[in-house]
Amino acid sequence: MELELYGPDDKFYGKLDQNDALLGSYPVDDGCRIHDSQISSLATGLVSATMSHSGRTMAV
């Protein structure tokens, strides 16, 4: 997993890449979200593969 921390205003705060660090050691505030960028890139790849397979070109 590749976790990223975003603030309430969707500003990128940083990657959560220290496996032994506690969540409190990162600048987490109310309204923050944690995003798994690896899942997003897999989903994007699946959409692209599906669209290529069907022979259609569409903006996503």
Protein backbone atom coordinates (compact mmCIF):
# COMPACT_ATOMS: atom_id res chain seq x y z
CA MET A 1 0.00 0.00 0.00
CA GLU A 2 1.09 3.54 -0.68
CA LEU A 3 -0.72 5.82 1.75
CA GLU A 4 -0.90 9.59 1.35
CA LEU A 5 -2.24 12.16 3.79
CA TYR A 6 -4.45 15.02 2.57
CA GLY A 7 -5.80 17.95 4.57
CA PRO A 8 -9.42 19.10 4.80
CA ASP A 9 -8.85 21.40 1.80
CA ASP A 10 -7.42 18.46 -0.25
CA LYS A 11 -3.90 19.82 0.15
CA PHE A 12 -1.26 17.07 0.01
CA TYR A 13 0.46 16.79 3.40
CA GLY A 14 2.79 13.89 2.70
CA LYS A 15 3.22 10.15 2.33
CA LEU A 16 2.67 7.82 5.26
CA ASP A 17 5.73 5.76 4.41
CA GLN A 18 7.26 4.96 7.80
CA ASN A 19 6.02 1.46 8.61
CA ASP A 20 6.94 1.65 12.29
CA ALA A 21 5.60 5.20 12.89
CA LEU A 22 2.34 5.84 14.70
CA LEU A 23 -0.37 7.86 12.97
CA GLY A 24 0.07 10.59 15.61
CA SER A 25 3.60 11.25 14.37
CA TYR A 26 2.14 12.69 11.16
CA PRO A 27 0.38 16.10 10.90
CA VAL A 28 -3.14 14.64 11.11
CA ASP A 29 -5.96 17.10 11.93
CA ASP A 30 -9.74 16.94 11.89
CA GLY A 31 -11.03 16.57 8.36
CA CYS A 32 -7.89 14.92 6.99
CA ARG A 33 -8.16 11.88 4.76
CA ILE A 34 -5.84 9.00 4.01
CA HIS A 35 -5.67 7.97 0.38
CA ASP A 36 -4.23 4.70 -1.00
CA SER A 37 -2.62 5.81 -4.27
CA GLN A 38 -1.79 2.25 -5.29
CA ILE A 39 -5.48 1.28 -5.41
CA SER A 40 -6.27 4.40 -7.47
CA SER A 41 -3.58 3.59 -10.03
CA LEU A 42 -4.85 0.00 -10.27
CA ALA A 43 -8.41 1.22 -10.82
CA THR A 44 -7.24 3.68 -13.49
CA GLY A 45 -5.35 0.88 -15.23
CA LEU A 46 -8.42 -1.34 -15.17
CA VAL A 47 -10.56 1.41 -16.71
CA SER A 48 -7.94 2.01 -19.40
CA ALA A 49 -7.66 -1.71 -20.17
CA THR A 50 -11.44 -2.07 -20.36
CA MET A 51 -11.75 0.93 -22.65
CA SER A 52 -8.93 -0.35 -24.89
CA HIS A 53 -10.55 -3.76 -25.06
CA SER A 54 -13.89 -2.34 -26.15
CA GLY A 55 -12.20 -0.27 -28.89
CA ARG A 56 -13.66 3.01 -27.67
CA THR A 57 -11.82 6.12 -26.61
CA MET A 58 -13.41 8.19 -23.87
CA ALA A 59 -12.23 10.83 -21.43
CA VAL A 60 -12.45 9.72 -17.82
